[in-house]
Protein backbone atom coordinates (compact mmCIF):
# COMPACT_ATOMS: atom_id res chain seq x y z
CA MET A 1 -42.97 24.23 3.10
CA MET A 2 -44.43 22.01 6.48
CA THR A 3 -47.38 23.56 8.18
CA LEU A 4 -48.47 22.69 11.26
CA ASN A 5 -51.67 23.01 13.17
CA ALA A 6 -52.13 24.84 16.53
CA GLU A 7 -54.52 26.10 19.54
CA LEU A 8 -53.46 29.21 21.42
CA ALA A 9 -55.25 29.85 25.15
CA LEU A 10 -53.82 33.05 26.84
CA ASP A 11 -54.38 34.11 30.56
CA ASN A 12 -53.45 36.46 32.85
CA GLU A 13 -51.62 33.22 34.50
CA LYS A 14 -49.76 31.05 31.46
CA ALA A 15 -49.60 30.95 27.73
CA GLU A 16 -50.65 27.56 26.00
CA LEU A 17 -49.54 26.47 22.50
CA THR A 18 -51.22 22.61 21.76
CA LEU A 19 -49.19 21.55 18.64
CA THR A 20 -52.98 19.69 17.29
CA ASP A 21 -50.64 17.20 15.07
CA PHE A 22 -47.60 15.80 17.16
CA ASP A 23 -50.12 15.59 20.23
CA SER A 24 -47.55 18.34 21.91
CA LYS A 25 -47.74 21.30 24.41
CA VAL A 26 -45.45 24.20 25.75
CA ILE A 27 -46.90 25.99 28.32
CA ILE A 28 -45.45 29.91 29.85
CA PHE A 29 -46.29 29.94 33.16
CA TYR A 30 -45.99 32.87 35.09
CA ASP A 31 -47.02 31.88 38.83
CA LYS A 32 -45.65 29.01 39.41
CA ASN A 33 -48.34 28.00 41.91
CA GLU A 34 -49.94 27.69 38.38
CA LEU A 35 -47.54 24.60 38.21
CA THR A 36 -50.41 21.92 38.42
CA ASP A 37 -49.70 18.81 37.02
CA ILE A 38 -45.72 18.53 37.19
CA LYS A 39 -46.32 14.85 36.33
CA HIS A 40 -45.73 15.09 32.43
CA GLY A 41 -43.13 16.96 30.45
CA LEU A 42 -40.02 18.72 30.76
CA PHE A 43 -39.91 22.23 33.01
CA LEU A 44 -37.69 25.40 32.34
CA PHE A 45 -37.34 27.89 34.67
CA PHE A 46 -36.27 31.23 34.28
CA LYS A 47 -36.01 34.33 36.45
CA ASP A 48 -35.36 37.67 35.60
CA LYS A 49 -35.43 36.74 31.66
CA LYS A 50 -32.52 34.58 32.32
CA PHE A 51 -32.52 30.82 32.40
CA LYS A 52 -31.83 28.75 35.72
CA SER A 53 -32.97 25.13 35.46
CA ILE A 54 -33.95 22.21 34.03
CA GLN A 55 -36.27 19.96 35.44
CA SER A 56 -38.34 16.00 34.43
CA THR A 57 -40.23 15.92 37.59
CA PRO A 58 -40.04 19.35 39.84
CA ASP A 59 -41.48 19.71 43.36
CA HIS A 60 -43.20 22.48 44.75
CA ASN A 61 -39.96 21.65 47.55
CA ASN A 62 -37.85 21.73 44.80
CA ILE A 63 -38.39 24.68 42.52
CA PRO A 64 -35.97 27.09 42.08
CA ALA A 65 -37.25 30.94 42.42
CA ALA A 66 -38.07 31.64 38.98
CA ASP A 67 -40.37 34.24 37.91
CA THR A 68 -41.24 32.46 34.14
CA MET A 69 -41.28 28.46 33.95
CA VAL A 70 -41.85 26.90 30.64
CA GLN A 71 -43.60 22.87 30.32
CA ILE A 72 -42.71 20.94 27.21
CA ILE A 73 -44.87 18.35 27.39
CA PRO A 74 -44.09 16.14 24.24
CA PRO A 75 -45.62 13.45 22.54
CA LYS A 76 -46.16 10.70 23.43
CA THR A 77 -43.02 9.04 20.94
CA LEU A 78 -40.47 11.35 22.76
CA ASP A 79 -39.60 10.47 25.70
CA ASN A 80 -38.28 13.11 28.67
CA ASP A 81 -35.28 12.38 28.92
CA ASP A 82 -33.66 12.23 24.64
CA LEU A 83 -36.06 16.18 24.75
CA LYS A 84 -33.56 17.30 28.03
CA GLN A 85 -30.20 15.20 27.10
CA CYS A 86 -31.20 17.29 23.03
CA LEU A 87 -31.68 20.28 25.01
CA THR A 88 -28.99 20.46 27.06
CA LEU A 89 -26.67 19.50 24.74
CA ASN A 90 -27.55 22.50 22.31
CA ASP A 91 -26.75 24.68 25.35
CA LEU A 92 -30.11 26.85 26.07
């Protein structure tokens, strides 16, 4: 059995899960105006609970209409492009 140490922070705009053992995060945003750190990680966009797109470098001009955004910040040892390829090969 593998044990993971994590921290969870919740508020009205987001849920943030930090995997402390792996120096990585998963942040679920419920308001795209809360996306402030768009230079780090990979972004998944959902509308009406359906997956819409995946982007590695979004800006506020190309963010699709979405009601939920997920930012995945992988450990420094994992490249964003490698993570994106793994996710797209597994048919999100």
